[in-house]
Amino acid sequence: MAGTEAAGLGLTCIWNRLENPRRLMWANDFPHSDSTWPWSREVLARHAAHLSEAERDLVLPDKVAELYGVEGV
């Protein structure tokens, strides 16, 4: 395997570990002028399209509820 291919595989493995839905929580940057608002929902849908429903739940409402100790989100 060429060095660049091996390095690419290493980066892929690192990215997959970092992209673990149990380690992520989505947030937008409203009201800053460079935020995605008012298109945050569309941007989020594109960014989360590869996640399963269970993974999306971890990153979106479940993670926020867990972090802040809120129930019934």
PDB file of N, CA and C in Angstrom:
ATOM      1  N   MET A   1       0.859  -1.182   0.000  1.00  0.00           N
ATOM      2  CA  MET A   1       0.000   0.000   0.000  1.00  0.00           C
ATOM      3  C   MET A   1       0.896   1.233   0.000  1.00  0.00           C
ATOM      4  N   ALA A   2       0.616   2.182  -0.835  1.00  0.00           N
ATOM      5  CA  ALA A   2       1.398   3.411  -0.913  1.00  0.00           C
ATOM      6  C   ALA A   2       1.250   4.204   0.377  1.00  0.00           C
ATOM      7  N   GLY A   3       2.274   4.991   0.686  1.00  0.00           N
ATOM      8  CA  GLY A   3       2.263   5.775   1.922  1.00  0.00           C
ATOM      9  C   GLY A   3       1.067   6.697   2.043  1.00  0.00           C
ATOM     10  N   THR A   4       0.694   7.320   0.942  1.00  0.00           N
ATOM     11  CA  THR A   4      -0.445   8.240   1.013  1.00  0.00           C
ATOM     12  C   THR A   4      -1.748   7.497   1.251  1.00  0.00           C
ATOM     13  N   GLU A   5      -1.860   6.277   0.698  1.00  0.00           N
ATOM     14  CA  GLU A   5      -3.074   5.488   0.934  1.00  0.00           C
ATOM     15  C   GLU A   5      -3.166   5.086   2.398  1.00  0.00           C
ATOM     16  N   ALA A   6      -2.026   4.657   2.969  1.00  0.00           N
ATOM     17  CA  ALA A   6      -2.013   4.269   4.381  1.00  0.00           C
ATOM     18  C   ALA A   6      -2.347   5.468   5.255  1.00  0.00           C
ATOM     19  N   ALA A   7      -1.769   6.622   4.931  1.00  0.00           N
ATOM     20  CA  ALA A   7      -2.065   7.829   5.704  1.00  0.00           C
ATOM     21  C   ALA A   7      -3.539   8.180   5.590  1.00  0.00           C
ATOM     22  N   GLY A   8      -4.090   8.024   4.402  1.00  0.00           N
ATOM     23  CA  GLY A   8      -5.510   8.305   4.213  1.00  0.00           C
ATOM     24  C   GLY A   8      -6.384   7.391   5.041  1.00  0.00           C
ATOM     25  N   LEU A   9      -6.013   6.109   5.106  1.00  0.00           N
ATOM     26  CA  LEU A   9      -6.774   5.167   5.930  1.00  0.00           C
ATOM     27  C   LEU A   9      -6.678   5.546   7.394  1.00  0.00           C
ATOM     28  N   GLY A  10      -5.495   5.981   7.828  1.00  0.00           N
ATOM     29  CA  GLY A  10      -5.328   6.415   9.213  1.00  0.00           C
ATOM     30  C   GLY A  10      -6.207   7.611   9.522  1.00  0.00           C
ATOM     31  N   LEU A  11      -6.237   8.564   8.610  1.00  0.00           N
ATOM     32  CA  LEU A  11      -7.079   9.744   8.813  1.00  0.00           C
ATOM     33  C   LEU A  11      -8.549   9.371   8.826  1.00  0.00           C
ATOM     34  N   THR A  12      -8.926   8.413   7.974  1.00  0.00           N
ATOM     35  CA  THR A  12     -10.315   7.959   7.953  1.00  0.00           C
ATOM     36  C   THR A  12     -10.689   7.341   9.289  1.00  0.00           C
ATOM     37  N   CYS A  13      -9.805   6.509   9.835  1.00  0.00           N
ATOM     38  CA  CYS A  13     -10.079   5.882  11.132  1.00  0.00           C
ATOM     39  C   CYS A  13     -10.199   6.932  12.229  1.00  0.00           C
ATOM     40  N   ILE A  14      -9.303   7.904  12.223  1.00  0.00           N
ATOM     41  CA  ILE A  14      -9.362   8.975  13.223  1.00  0.00           C
ATOM     42  C   ILE A  14     -10.661   9.752  13.064  1.00  0.00           C
ATOM     43  N   TRP A  15     -11.002  10.110  11.828  1.00  0.00           N
ATOM     44  CA  TRP A  15     -12.237  10.862  11.592  1.00  0.00           C
ATOM     45  C   TRP A  15     -13.454  10.086  12.072  1.00  0.00           C
ATOM     46  N   ASN A  16     -13.487   8.773  11.770  1.00  0.00           N
ATOM     47  CA  ASN A  16     -14.627   7.961  12.192  1.00  0.00           C
ATOM     48  C   ASN A  16     -14.748   7.918  13.708  1.00  0.00           C
ATOM     49  N   ARG A  17     -13.626   7.889  14.409  1.00  0.00           N
ATOM     50  CA  ARG A  17     -13.683   7.910  15.877  1.00  0.00           C
ATOM     51  C   ARG A  17     -14.150   9.264  16.381  1.00  0.00           C
ATOM     52  N   LEU A  18     -13.661  10.337  15.778  1.00  0.00           N
ATOM     53  CA  LEU A  18     -14.049  11.677  16.211  1.00  0.00           C
ATOM     54  C   LEU A  18     -15.497  11.983  15.864  1.00  0.00           C
ATOM     55  N   GLU A  19     -15.988  11.378  14.781  1.00  0.00           N
ATOM     56  CA  GLU A  19     -17.340  11.635  14.332  1.00  0.00           C
ATOM     57  C   GLU A  19     -18.352  10.752  15.068  1.00  0.00           C
ATOM     58  N   ASN A  20     -17.923  10.078  16.096  1.00  0.00           N
ATOM     59  CA  ASN A  20     -18.792   9.219  16.886  1.00  0.00           C
ATOM     60  C   ASN A  20     -19.973  10.035  17.416  1.00  0.00           C
ATOM     61  N   PRO A  21     -21.197   9.675  17.080  1.00  0.00           N
ATOM     62  CA  PRO A  21     -22.365  10.447  17.524  1.00  0.00           C
ATOM     63  C   PRO A  21     -22.466  10.598  19.039  1.00  0.00           C
ATOM     64  N   ARG A  22     -21.846   9.697  19.784  1.00  0.00           N
ATOM     65  CA  ARG A  22     -21.873   9.829  21.243  1.00  0.00           C
ATOM     66  C   ARG A  22     -20.959  10.953  21.728  1.00  0.00           C
ATOM     67  N   ARG A  23     -20.113  11.476  20.846  1.00  0.00           N
ATOM     68  CA  ARG A  23     -19.195  12.554  21.211  1.00  0.00           C
ATOM     69  C   ARG A  23     -19.600  13.903  20.618  1.00  0.00           C
ATOM     70  N   LEU A  24     -20.664  13.931  19.842  1.00  0.00           N
ATOM     71  CA  LEU A  24     -21.048  15.153  19.141  1.00  0.00           C
ATOM     72  C   LEU A  24     -22.359  15.725  19.656  1.00  0.00           C
ATOM     73  N   MET A  25     -22.469  17.035  19.558  1.00  0.00           N
ATOM     74  CA  MET A  25     -23.736  17.708  19.817  1.00  0.00           C
ATOM     75  C   MET A  25     -23.815  18.862  18.827  1.00  0.00           C
ATOM     76  N   TRP A  26     -24.932  18.965  18.132  1.00  0.00           N
ATOM     77  CA  TRP A  26     -25.077  20.023  17.143  1.00  0.00           C
ATOM     78  C   TRP A  26     -25.480  21.322  17.830  1.00  0.00           C
ATOM     79  N   ALA A  27     -24.962  22.426  17.324  1.00  0.00           N
ATOM     80  CA  ALA A  27     -25.367  23.757  17.781  1.00  0.00           C
ATOM     81  C   ALA A  27     -25.199  24.709  16.609  1.00  0.00           C
ATOM     82  N   ASN A  28     -26.049  25.722  16.556  1.00  0.00           N
ATOM     83  CA  ASN A  28     -25.817  26.730  15.526  1.00  0.00           C
ATOM     84  C   ASN A  28     -25.181  27.934  16.189  1.00  0.00           C
ATOM     85  N   ASP A  29     -24.818  28.910  15.415  1.00  0.00           N
ATOM     86  CA  ASP A  29     -24.076  30.052  15.928  1.00  0.00           C
ATOM     87  C   ASP A  29     -24.909  31.328  15.882  1.00  0.00           C
ATOM     88  N   PHE A  30     -26.240  31.189  15.906  1.00  0.00           N
ATOM     89  CA  PHE A  30     -27.115  32.355  15.913  1.00  0.00           C
ATOM     90  C   PHE A  30     -26.846  33.160  17.169  1.00  0.00           C
ATOM     91  N   PRO A  31     -26.787  34.431  17.152  1.00  0.00           N
ATOM     92  CA  PRO A  31     -27.149  35.400  16.124  1.00  0.00           C
ATOM     93  C   PRO A  31     -25.968  35.963  15.350  1.00  0.00           C
ATOM     94  N   HIS A  32     -24.821  35.309  15.373  1.00  0.00           N
ATOM     95  CA  HIS A  32     -23.658  35.835  14.663  1.00  0.00           C
ATOM     96  C   HIS A  32     -23.928  35.894  13.161  1.00  0.00           C
ATOM     97  N   SER A  33     -23.387  36.899  12.520  1.00  0.00           N
ATOM     98  CA  SER A  33     -23.697  37.135  11.103  1.00  0.00           C
ATOM     99  C   SER A  33     -23.197  36.028  10.183  1.00  0.00           C
ATOM    100  N   ASP A  34     -22.221  35.250  10.620  1.00  0.00           N
ATOM    101  CA  ASP A  34     -21.730  34.167   9.764  1.00  0.00           C
ATOM    102  C   ASP A  34     -22.360  32.821  10.124  1.00  0.00           C
ATOM    103  N   SER A  35     -23.467  32.846  10.850  1.00  0.00           N
ATOM    104  CA  SER A  35     -24.153  31.606  11.222  1.00  0.00           C
ATOM    105  C   SER A  35     -24.962  31.069  10.040  1.00  0.00           C
ATOM    106  N   THR A  36     -25.514  29.888  10.207  1.00  0.00           N
ATOM    107  CA  THR A  36     -26.330  29.282   9.153  1.00  0.00           C
ATOM    108  C   THR A  36     -27.787  29.710   9.241  1.00  0.00           C
ATOM    109  N   TRP A  37     -28.170  30.400  10.287  1.00  0.00           N
ATOM    110  CA  TRP A  37     -29.550  30.842  10.450  1.00  0.00           C
ATOM    111  C   TRP A  37     -29.897  31.838   9.348  1.00  0.00           C
ATOM    112  N   PRO A  38     -31.021  31.787   8.732  1.00  0.00           N
ATOM    113  CA  PRO A  38     -32.241  31.020   8.989  1.00  0.00           C
ATOM    114  C   PRO A  38     -32.296  29.683   8.244  1.00  0.00           C
ATOM    115  N   TRP A  39     -31.167  29.220   7.723  1.00  0.00           N
ATOM    116  CA  TRP A  39     -31.135  27.964   6.963  1.00  0.00           C
ATOM    117  C   TRP A  39     -30.573  26.806   7.791  1.00  0.00           C
ATOM    118  N   SER A  40     -30.550  26.952   9.097  1.00  0.00           N
ATOM    119  CA  SER A  40     -29.933  25.945   9.966  1.00  0.00           C
ATOM    120  C   SER A  40     -30.543  24.564   9.789  1.00  0.00           C
ATOM    121  N   ARG A  41     -31.856  24.483   9.659  1.00  0.00           N
ATOM    122  CA  ARG A  41     -32.491  23.166   9.501  1.00  0.00           C
ATOM    123  C   ARG A  41     -32.040  22.478   8.218  1.00  0.00           C
ATOM    124  N   GLU A  42     -31.962  23.228   7.133  1.00  0.00           N
ATOM    125  CA  GLU A  42     -31.534  22.648   5.861  1.00  0.00           C
ATOM    126  C   GLU A  42     -30.068  22.218   5.924  1.00  0.00           C
ATOM    127  N   VAL A  43     -29.227  23.061   6.503  1.00  0.00           N
ATOM    128  CA  VAL A  43     -27.807  22.737   6.639  1.00  0.00           C
ATOM    129  C   VAL A  43     -27.643  21.499   7.513  1.00  0.00           C
ATOM    130  N   LEU A  44     -28.354  21.460   8.614  1.00  0.00           N
ATOM    131  CA  LEU A  44     -28.283  20.313   9.512  1.00  0.00           C
ATOM    132  C   LEU A  44     -28.753  19.036   8.821  1.00  0.00           C
ATOM    133  N   ALA A  45     -29.814  19.106   8.055  1.00  0.00           N
ATOM    134  CA  ALA A  45     -30.318  17.931   7.335  1.00  0.00           C
ATOM    135  C   ALA A  45     -29.261  17.400   6.368  1.00  0.00           C
ATOM    136  N   ARG A  46     -28.563  18.291   5.667  1.00  0.00           N
ATOM    137  CA  ARG A  46     -27.498  17.863   4.752  1.00  0.00           C
ATOM    138  C   ARG A  46     -26.340  17.226   5.521  1.00  0.00           C
ATOM    139  N   HIS A  47     -25.942  17.852   6.615  1.00  0.00           N
ATOM    140  CA  HIS A  47     -24.794  17.360   7.372  1.00  0.00           C
ATOM    141  C   HIS A  47     -25.083  16.039   8.074  1.00  0.00           C
ATOM    142  N   ALA A  48     -26.337  15.791   8.416  1.00  0.00           N
ATOM    143  CA  ALA A  48     -26.698  14.580   9.156  1.00  0.00           C
ATOM    144  C   ALA A  48     -27.311  13.506   8.262  1.00  0.00           C
ATOM    145  N   ALA A  49     -27.325  13.714   6.961  1.00  0.00           N
ATOM    146  CA  ALA A  49     -27.990  12.781   6.046  1.00  0.00           C
ATOM    147  C   ALA A  49     -27.407  11.373   6.111  1.00  0.00           C
ATOM    148  N   HIS A  50     -26.128  11.246   6.410  1.00  0.00           N
ATOM    149  CA  HIS A  50     -25.491   9.924   6.447  1.00  0.00           C
ATOM    150  C   HIS A  50     -25.711   9.195   7.772  1.00  0.00           C
ATOM    151  N   LEU A  51     -26.294   9.856   8.756  1.00  0.00           N
ATOM    152  CA  LEU A  51     -26.522   9.240  10.064  1.00  0.00           C
ATOM    153  C   LEU A  51     -27.840   8.482  10.089  1.00  0.00           C
ATOM    154  N   SER A  52     -27.881   7.436  10.866  1.00  0.00           N
ATOM    155  CA  SER A  52     -29.143   6.718  11.067  1.00  0.00           C
ATOM    156  C   SER A  52     -30.040   7.560  11.977  1.00  0.00           C
ATOM    157  N   GLU A  53     -31.295   7.192  12.076  1.00  0.00           N
ATOM    158  CA  GLU A  53     -32.216   7.926  12.954  1.00  0.00           C
ATOM    159  C   GLU A  53     -31.725   7.886  14.400  1.00  0.00           C
ATOM    160  N   ALA A  54     -31.231   6.742  14.843  1.00  0.00           N
ATOM    161  CA  ALA A  54     -30.721   6.613  16.216  1.00  0.00           C
ATOM    162  C   ALA A  54     -29.510   7.520  16.431  1.00  0.00           C
ATOM    163  N   GLU A  55     -28.619   7.600  15.436  1.00  0.00           N
ATOM    164  CA  GLU A  55     -27.449   8.473  15.546  1.00  0.00           C
ATOM    165  C   GLU A  55     -27.866   9.937  15.556  1.00  0.00           C
ATOM    166  N   ARG A  56     -28.829  10.300  14.717  1.00  0.00           N
ATOM    167  CA  ARG A  56     -29.319  11.686  14.720  1.00  0.00           C
ATOM    168  C   ARG A  56     -29.911  12.042  16.077  1.00  0.00           C
ATOM    169  N   ASP A  57     -30.647  11.110  16.679  1.00  0.00           N
ATOM    170  CA  ASP A  57     -31.219  11.368  18.001  1.00  0.00           C
ATOM    171  C   ASP A  57     -30.126  11.601  19.041  1.00  0.00           C
ATOM    172  N   LEU A  58     -29.014  10.873  18.917  1.00  0.00           N
ATOM    173  CA  LEU A  58     -27.905  11.071  19.848  1.00  0.00           C
ATOM    174  C   LEU A  58     -27.292  12.457  19.708  1.00  0.00           C
ATOM    175  N   VAL A  59     -27.107  12.903  18.475  1.00  0.00           N
ATOM    176  CA  VAL A  59     -26.441  14.180  18.217  1.00  0.00           C
ATOM    177  C   VAL A  59     -27.369  15.362  18.475  1.00  0.00           C
ATOM    178  N   LEU A  60     -28.641  15.183  18.229  1.00  0.00           N
ATOM    179  CA  LEU A  60     -29.579  16.302  18.315  1.00  0.00           C
ATOM    180  C   LEU A  60     -30.278  16.346  19.677  1.00  0.00           C
ATOM    181  N   PRO A  61     -31.534  15.968  19.819  1.00  0.00           N
ATOM    182  CA  PRO A  61     -32.211  16.230  21.091  1.00  0.00           C
ATOM    183  C   PRO A  61     -31.676  15.428  22.271  1.00  0.00           C
ATOM    184  N   ASP A  62     -31.299  14.166  22.062  1.00  0.00           N
ATOM    185  CA  ASP A  62     -30.884  13.346  23.192  1.00  0.00           C
ATOM    186  C   ASP A  62     -29.615  13.866  23.852  1.00  0.00           C
ATOM    187  N   LYS A  63     -28.644  14.294  23.055  1.00  0.00           N
ATOM    188  CA  LYS A  63     -27.376  14.774  23.603  1.00  0.00           C
ATOM    189  C   LYS A  63     -27.576  16.054  24.400  1.00  0.00           C
ATOM    190  N   VAL A  64     -28.379  16.958  23.898  1.00  0.00           N
ATOM    191  CA  VAL A  64     -28.649  18.209  24.606  1.00  0.00           C
ATOM    192  C   VAL A  64     -29.369  17.922  25.920  1.00  0.00           C
ATOM    193  N   ALA A  65     -30.368  17.048  25.874  1.00  0.00           N
ATOM    194  CA  ALA A  65     -31.116  16.695  27.084  1.00  0.00           C
ATOM    195  C   ALA A  65     -30.193  16.054  28.114  1.00  0.00           C
ATOM    196  N   GLU A  66     -29.301  15.171  27.647  1.00  0.00           N
ATOM    197  CA  GLU A  66     -28.360  14.514  28.556  1.00  0.00           C
ATOM    198  C   GLU A  66     -27.419  15.534  29.193  1.00  0.00           C
ATOM    199  N   LEU A  67     -26.874  16.432  28.391  1.00  0.00           N
ATOM    200  CA  LEU A  67     -25.920  17.420  28.881  1.00  0.00           C
ATOM    201  C   LEU A  67     -26.535  18.343  29.924  1.00  0.00           C
ATOM    202  N   TYR A  68     -27.747  18.813  29.655  1.00  0.00           N
ATOM    203  CA  TYR A  68     -28.378  19.777  30.548  1.00  0.00           C
ATOM    204  C   TYR A  68     -29.327  19.143  31.559  1.00  0.00           C
ATOM    205  N   GLY A  69     -29.459  17.815  31.529  1.00  0.00           N
ATOM    206  CA  GLY A  69     -30.319  17.140  32.488  1.00  0.00           C
ATOM    207  C   GLY A  69     -31.789  17.445  32.295  1.00  0.00           C
ATOM    208  N   VAL A  70     -32.201  17.622  31.035  1.00  0.00           N
ATOM    209  CA  VAL A  70     -33.589  17.945  30.714  1.00  0.00           C
ATOM    210  C   VAL A  70     -34.285  16.675  30.249  1.00  0.00           C
ATOM    211  N   GLU A  71     -35.502  16.445  30.702  1.00  0.00           N
ATOM    212  CA  GLU A  71     -36.260  15.275  30.271  1.00  0.00           C
ATOM    213  C   GLU A  71     -37.412  15.698  29.376  1.00  0.00           C
ATOM    214  N   GLY A  72     -37.842  14.775  28.518  1.00  0.00           N
ATOM    215  CA  GLY A  72     -39.017  15.026  27.684  1.00  0.00           C
ATOM    216  C   GLY A  72     -38.769  15.917  26.496  1.00  0.00           C
ATOM    217  N   VAL A  73     -37.539  15.943  26.001  1.00  0.00           N
ATOM    218  CA  VAL A  73     -37.220  16.775  24.833  1.00  0.00           C
ATOM    219  C   VAL A  73     -37.657  16.060  23.589  1.00  0.00           C
TER     220      VAL A  73
END
